[in-house]
N, C-alpha and C. Protein backbone atom coordinates (compact mmCIF):
# COMPACT_ATOMS: atom_id res chain seq x y z
N MET A 1 25.80 -69.50 -11.87
CA MET A 1 25.04 -68.85 -12.71
C MET A 1 23.49 -69.80 -13.81
N SER A 2 24.01 -71.21 -13.33
CA SER A 2 22.83 -71.91 -13.82
C SER A 2 21.77 -71.84 -12.38
N GLU A 3 21.93 -72.07 -11.44
CA GLU A 3 20.18 -71.36 -10.16
C GLU A 3 19.84 -70.10 -10.30
N LEU A 4 20.38 -69.36 -11.43
CA LEU A 4 19.86 -68.15 -11.73
C LEU A 4 19.80 -68.03 -13.63
N ASP A 5 19.59 -68.44 -13.78
CA ASP A 5 18.66 -69.04 -16.01
C ASP A 5 17.66 -69.83 -15.08
N GLU A 6 17.44 -71.07 -14.32
CA GLU A 6 16.52 -72.28 -13.62
C GLU A 6 15.52 -71.33 -13.02
N ALA A 7 16.50 -70.34 -12.14
CA ALA A 7 14.78 -69.13 -11.53
C ALA A 7 14.32 -68.63 -12.49
N LEU A 8 15.38 -67.74 -13.30
CA LEU A 8 14.36 -66.66 -14.84
C LEU A 8 13.13 -68.06 -15.28
N LYS A 9 13.53 -69.27 -15.65
CA LYS A 9 12.29 -70.00 -16.63
C LYS A 9 11.09 -70.81 -15.52
N GLU A 10 11.59 -70.85 -14.14
CA GLU A 10 10.82 -72.34 -13.84
C GLU A 10 9.98 -70.77 -12.25
N GLU A 11 10.64 -69.28 -11.81
CA GLU A 11 10.22 -68.82 -11.03
C GLU A 11 9.75 -67.50 -11.33
N LYS A 12 8.54 -67.52 -10.65
CA LYS A 12 8.23 -65.37 -11.10
C LYS A 12 8.91 -64.44 -9.60
N LEU A 13 9.82 -63.60 -10.48
CA LEU A 13 11.05 -63.42 -10.33
C LEU A 13 10.06 -61.57 -9.94
N ILE A 14 11.33 -61.52 -8.64
CA ILE A 14 10.69 -60.09 -7.87
C ILE A 14 12.34 -58.74 -8.46
N ILE A 15 11.93 -57.84 -8.78
CA ILE A 15 11.84 -57.74 -9.39
C ILE A 15 12.69 -55.86 -8.38
N GLY A 16 13.96 -55.45 -7.56
CA GLY A 16 14.62 -54.39 -7.37
C GLY A 16 14.19 -54.37 -5.36
N ARG A 17 15.46 -53.19 -5.29
CA ARG A 17 15.58 -53.84 -3.50
C ARG A 17 14.53 -53.36 -2.61
N ASP A 18 13.17 -53.21 -2.80
CA ASP A 18 12.07 -52.24 -2.15
C ASP A 18 11.56 -53.45 -2.25
N ARG A 19 10.66 -54.17 -3.11
CA ARG A 19 9.90 -54.90 -2.79
C ARG A 19 10.68 -55.80 -2.56
N THR A 20 12.19 -56.35 -2.24
CA THR A 20 12.27 -57.34 -2.19
C THR A 20 12.29 -57.30 -0.60
N LEU A 21 12.93 -56.43 0.29
CA LEU A 21 12.88 -55.90 1.24
C LEU A 21 11.71 -56.21 2.63
N LYS A 22 10.63 -56.23 1.70
CA LYS A 22 9.67 -56.27 2.48
C LYS A 22 8.81 -57.08 1.92
N LEU A 23 9.11 -58.19 1.30
CA LEU A 23 9.27 -59.68 1.52
C LEU A 23 9.73 -60.59 2.24
N LEU A 24 11.12 -60.20 2.66
CA LEU A 24 12.68 -60.48 2.70
C LEU A 24 11.70 -60.10 4.15
N LYS A 25 11.29 -59.36 4.77
CA LYS A 25 11.48 -58.76 5.86
C LYS A 25 9.61 -59.51 6.46
N ASN A 26 8.85 -59.36 5.62
CA ASN A 26 7.73 -61.06 5.76
C ASN A 26 7.44 -62.26 5.52
N ASP A 27 9.23 -63.03 5.43
CA ASP A 27 9.62 -64.17 5.23
C ASP A 27 8.83 -64.71 4.39
N LYS A 28 8.23 -63.78 2.72
CA LYS A 28 8.09 -65.04 1.94
C LYS A 28 8.98 -65.07 0.94
N LEU A 29 10.61 -64.68 1.00
CA LEU A 29 11.34 -65.03 -0.09
C LEU A 29 12.65 -66.82 0.33
N LYS A 30 12.45 -67.31 -0.60
CA LYS A 30 13.56 -68.29 -1.00
C LYS A 30 14.85 -68.04 -1.06
N LYS A 31 15.34 -66.73 -2.27
CA LYS A 31 16.46 -66.95 -2.72
C LYS A 31 16.76 -65.60 -3.44
N ILE A 32 17.33 -64.48 -3.41
CA ILE A 32 17.74 -63.14 -3.82
C ILE A 32 19.18 -63.12 -4.40
N PHE A 33 19.43 -62.89 -5.46
CA PHE A 33 20.56 -62.68 -6.39
C PHE A 33 20.69 -61.10 -6.57
N ILE A 34 22.53 -60.54 -6.17
CA ILE A 34 22.36 -59.62 -6.18
C ILE A 34 23.71 -59.29 -7.28
N ALA A 35 23.90 -58.31 -8.00
CA ALA A 35 24.44 -58.15 -9.10
C ALA A 35 25.91 -57.84 -7.89
N SER A 36 26.55 -57.89 -9.33
CA SER A 36 28.55 -57.41 -8.29
C SER A 36 28.38 -55.99 -8.47
N ASN A 37 27.51 -55.00 -9.05
CA ASN A 37 28.13 -53.90 -8.64
C ASN A 37 26.92 -52.87 -7.41
N CYS A 38 26.07 -53.76 -7.57
CA CYS A 38 24.76 -53.41 -6.50
C CYS A 38 25.44 -52.52 -5.51
N ASP A 39 24.87 -51.24 -5.29
CA ASP A 39 25.24 -50.38 -3.91
C ASP A 39 25.51 -50.87 -2.37
N GLU A 40 27.05 -51.07 -1.56
CA GLU A 40 27.45 -51.45 -1.11
C GLU A 40 25.80 -51.37 0.00
N ASP A 41 25.29 -49.79 0.47
CA ASP A 41 24.87 -50.42 1.38
C ASP A 41 23.64 -50.94 1.10
N VAL A 42 22.69 -51.47 -0.20
CA VAL A 42 22.24 -52.13 -0.11
C VAL A 42 22.74 -52.84 -0.16
N ARG A 43 23.45 -54.32 -0.99
CA ARG A 43 23.70 -55.16 -0.15
C ARG A 43 23.90 -55.61 1.00
N GLU A 44 24.14 -54.84 1.97
CA GLU A 44 24.50 -54.76 3.50
C GLU A 44 22.48 -55.54 4.34
N GLU A 45 22.52 -54.28 3.64
CA GLU A 45 20.73 -54.24 4.74
C GLU A 45 20.47 -55.60 3.32
N ILE A 46 20.40 -55.89 3.12
CA ILE A 46 19.75 -56.87 1.94
C ILE A 46 20.36 -58.78 3.07
N LYS A 47 21.81 -58.16 2.90
CA LYS A 47 22.71 -59.06 3.91
C LYS A 47 21.39 -59.23 5.69
N LYS A 48 22.11 -58.32 5.44
CA LYS A 48 20.68 -58.00 7.09
C LYS A 48 20.08 -59.38 6.92
N TYR A 49 18.92 -58.78 6.79
CA TYR A 49 17.23 -59.63 7.07
C TYR A 49 17.23 -60.78 6.40
N ALA A 50 18.60 -61.23 5.83
CA ALA A 50 18.60 -62.27 5.22
C ALA A 50 19.34 -62.86 5.90
N LYS A 51 19.89 -62.68 6.23
CA LYS A 51 20.67 -63.90 7.86
C LYS A 51 19.49 -64.24 8.31
N ILE A 52 18.99 -63.37 9.13
CA ILE A 52 17.68 -63.83 10.49
C ILE A 52 16.21 -64.08 9.72
N SER A 53 15.75 -64.23 8.26
CA SER A 53 15.76 -64.68 7.56
C SER A 53 15.70 -66.24 7.19
N LYS A 54 16.56 -66.14 6.86
CA LYS A 54 17.39 -67.16 6.70
C LYS A 54 17.74 -68.13 4.97
N VAL A 55 17.55 -66.49 4.37
CA VAL A 55 17.37 -66.35 3.47
C VAL A 55 18.49 -66.54 2.28
N GLU A 56 18.51 -67.67 1.11
CA GLU A 56 19.90 -67.61 0.87
C GLU A 56 20.30 -66.66 -0.25
N VAL A 57 20.91 -65.57 -0.52
CA VAL A 57 21.71 -64.50 -0.69
C VAL A 57 22.68 -64.72 -2.00
N ILE A 58 22.47 -65.28 -3.26
CA ILE A 58 23.89 -65.21 -4.88
C ILE A 58 24.10 -64.07 -4.73
N GLU A 59 25.45 -63.84 -4.04
CA GLU A 59 26.05 -62.52 -4.89
C GLU A 59 26.18 -63.46 -6.71
N LEU A 60 26.29 -62.22 -7.51
CA LEU A 60 25.49 -63.02 -8.95
C LEU A 60 27.88 -61.84 -9.70
N LYS A 61 28.41 -62.60 -10.75
CA LYS A 61 29.60 -61.51 -10.54
C LYS A 61 29.29 -61.29 -12.23
N ILE A 62 28.00 -60.55 -12.75
CA ILE A 62 27.70 -60.27 -13.58
C ILE A 62 27.14 -58.94 -13.25
N ASP A 63 27.37 -57.98 -13.86
CA ASP A 63 25.91 -56.28 -12.96
C ASP A 63 25.57 -56.47 -13.82
N ASN A 64 24.41 -55.07 -13.47
CA ASN A 64 23.70 -54.46 -13.19
C ASN A 64 22.71 -54.50 -14.39
N ILE A 65 22.96 -54.12 -15.52
CA ILE A 65 23.26 -53.61 -16.64
C ILE A 65 22.84 -55.22 -17.63
N GLU A 66 23.31 -55.81 -17.31
CA GLU A 66 23.71 -57.72 -17.70
C GLU A 66 23.14 -58.35 -16.60
N LEU A 67 22.22 -58.21 -15.85
CA LEU A 67 21.36 -58.98 -15.10
C LEU A 67 19.86 -58.42 -15.53
N GLY A 68 19.99 -56.94 -15.73
CA GLY A 68 19.24 -56.20 -16.35
C GLY A 68 18.59 -57.84 -18.25
N ALA A 69 19.31 -57.42 -18.95
CA ALA A 69 19.16 -57.96 -19.73
C ALA A 69 18.74 -59.77 -20.45
N MET A 70 19.45 -59.67 -19.41
CA MET A 70 19.24 -61.85 -18.71
C MET A 70 18.12 -61.71 -19.21
N CYS A 71 16.90 -61.23 -17.55
CA CYS A 71 15.73 -60.96 -17.67
C CYS A 71 15.37 -60.65 -18.82
N LYS A 72 15.26 -59.06 -20.06
CA LYS A 72 14.74 -59.35 -20.85
C LYS A 72 14.15 -58.08 -20.47
N LYS A 73 14.50 -56.93 -19.55
CA LYS A 73 14.52 -56.05 -19.37
C LYS A 73 15.20 -55.03 -20.32
N PRO A 74 14.70 -53.09 -20.23
CA PRO A 74 14.86 -51.94 -20.76
C PRO A 74 15.92 -51.61 -19.95
N PHE A 75 15.63 -51.94 -18.55
CA PHE A 75 16.52 -51.47 -17.63
C PHE A 75 18.07 -52.09 -16.93
N ALA A 76 18.47 -51.61 -16.14
CA ALA A 76 19.27 -52.37 -14.90
C ALA A 76 18.68 -52.85 -14.07
N ILE A 77 19.22 -54.17 -13.07
CA ILE A 77 18.58 -54.98 -12.02
C ILE A 77 19.38 -55.16 -11.06
N SER A 78 20.09 -54.49 -10.10
CA SER A 78 20.35 -54.77 -8.47
C SER A 78 20.41 -55.70 -8.27
N VAL A 79 19.13 -56.24 -7.83
CA VAL A 79 18.09 -56.63 -6.46
C VAL A 79 16.76 -57.59 -7.54
N LEU A 80 17.79 -58.83 -7.83
CA LEU A 80 16.23 -60.33 -7.74
C LEU A 80 15.97 -61.39 -6.96
N SER A 81 14.63 -61.32 -6.71
CA SER A 81 14.34 -62.63 -5.44
C SER A 81 13.51 -63.18 -5.96
N TYR A 82 13.39 -65.27 -5.57
CA TYR A 82 12.13 -64.54 -5.75
C TYR A 82 10.99 -66.33 -4.52
């Protein structure tokens, strides 16, 4: 979790699958965080492109509601990246 806490403080985070995939396909990401209850098809698609782009994927032990709360957002977040 410390990596996520650090990213929350220091990085401009990208929220959501669509924006993450778009930037991932253009080699503009360093790291991706995925909530524990993220849909399996989304998880696999992100992992596939991350492997091609050599971007680290961190699977969190918290669910999307907790992740949204950590980011101080009033909605669930399944995918975060920077």
